[in-house]
Structure formats: structure tokens, C-alpha cells
Amino acid sequence: RLLQLLVSQLFFMSWLFDLFSSAREWKTDKKSLLLLFIGLPIGAVVLCIVTLVVFELVW
């Protein structure tokens, strides 16, 4: 179960990395940049919540 959660977190991190790398190509597209700025804080909050839940389950 813990391994599954770690794998999902790694998948999430790689998705964020893909978002960052595509953001460099998006510099001219303002809508995509706006989506990126909205999506990153939401993603960070989700990641924090998932991490907290994992710690609650482990301890």
C-alpha cells in the first residue's frame, strides 16, 4: 500500500516536471501560462494533502 502511494507520488512529480518543461515552449501562449499558474498551486496543495494522509496512515 505504501509502495503504491510512493509510486503515485513519483508519477505526480513526473507530471509536474512535464508541465514545467512544456511551460518553456508555451511562453507565447498566455492561456496555457495562466493554466500553469493556476494548476501548480492546486497540484502543490494536493501533493501536501496526499503526503499528510500518507504520514497519518504510516504513523
Protein backbone atom coordinates (compact mmCIF):
# COMPACT_ATOMS: atom_id res chain seq x y z
CA ARG A 1 0.00 0.00 0.00
CA LEU A 2 2.81 2.38 0.93
CA LEU A 3 4.67 1.45 -2.26
CA GLN A 4 1.57 2.25 -4.31
CA LEU A 5 1.33 5.70 -2.68
CA LEU A 6 5.02 6.36 -3.34
CA VAL A 7 4.61 5.32 -6.98
CA SER A 8 1.61 7.64 -7.37
CA GLN A 9 3.65 10.50 -5.87
CA LEU A 10 6.52 9.78 -8.29
CA PHE A 11 4.01 9.80 -11.15
CA PHE A 12 2.66 13.14 -9.90
CA MET A 13 6.18 14.59 -9.69
CA SER A 14 6.98 13.46 -13.24
CA TRP A 15 3.70 15.04 -14.40
CA LEU A 16 4.73 18.33 -12.75
CA PHE A 17 8.13 18.06 -14.46
CA ASP A 18 6.40 17.57 -17.82
CA LEU A 19 4.30 20.65 -17.06
CA PHE A 20 7.44 22.67 -16.33
CA SER A 21 9.25 21.52 -19.47
CA SER A 22 6.25 22.26 -21.69
CA ALA A 23 5.87 25.67 -19.98
CA ARG A 24 9.12 26.73 -21.64
CA GLU A 25 7.58 26.07 -25.06
CA TRP A 26 4.37 27.87 -24.04
CA LYS A 27 5.91 31.30 -23.42
CA THR A 28 3.94 32.88 -26.24
CA ASP A 29 0.64 31.24 -25.23
CA LYS A 30 -0.82 33.26 -22.36
CA LYS A 31 -3.81 30.98 -21.74
CA SER A 32 -1.55 27.98 -21.14
CA LEU A 33 0.66 30.05 -18.81
CA LEU A 34 -2.42 31.09 -16.85
CA LEU A 35 -3.48 27.45 -16.59
CA LEU A 36 0.02 26.59 -15.40
CA PHE A 37 -0.05 29.25 -12.69
CA ILE A 38 -3.47 28.05 -11.55
CA GLY A 39 -2.59 24.37 -11.81
CA LEU A 40 0.73 24.43 -9.96
CA PRO A 41 -0.58 25.75 -6.60
CA ILE A 42 -3.51 23.31 -6.77
CA GLY A 43 -1.08 20.49 -7.55
CA ALA A 44 1.17 21.53 -4.66
CA VAL A 45 -1.80 21.58 -2.26
CA VAL A 46 -2.92 18.14 -3.47
CA LEU A 47 0.61 16.80 -3.03
CA CYS A 48 0.77 18.21 0.52
CA ILE A 49 -2.61 16.65 1.40
CA VAL A 50 -1.54 13.28 -0.03
CA THR A 51 1.73 13.45 1.93
CA LEU A 52 -0.13 14.28 5.15
CA VAL A 53 -2.54 11.39 4.59
CA VAL A 54 0.40 9.04 3.95
CA PHE A 55 2.06 10.14 7.21
CA GLU A 56 -1.23 9.64 9.10
CA LEU A 57 -1.53 6.12 7.68
CA VAL A 58 2.11 5.24 8.38
CA TRP A 59 2.27 6.53 11.94
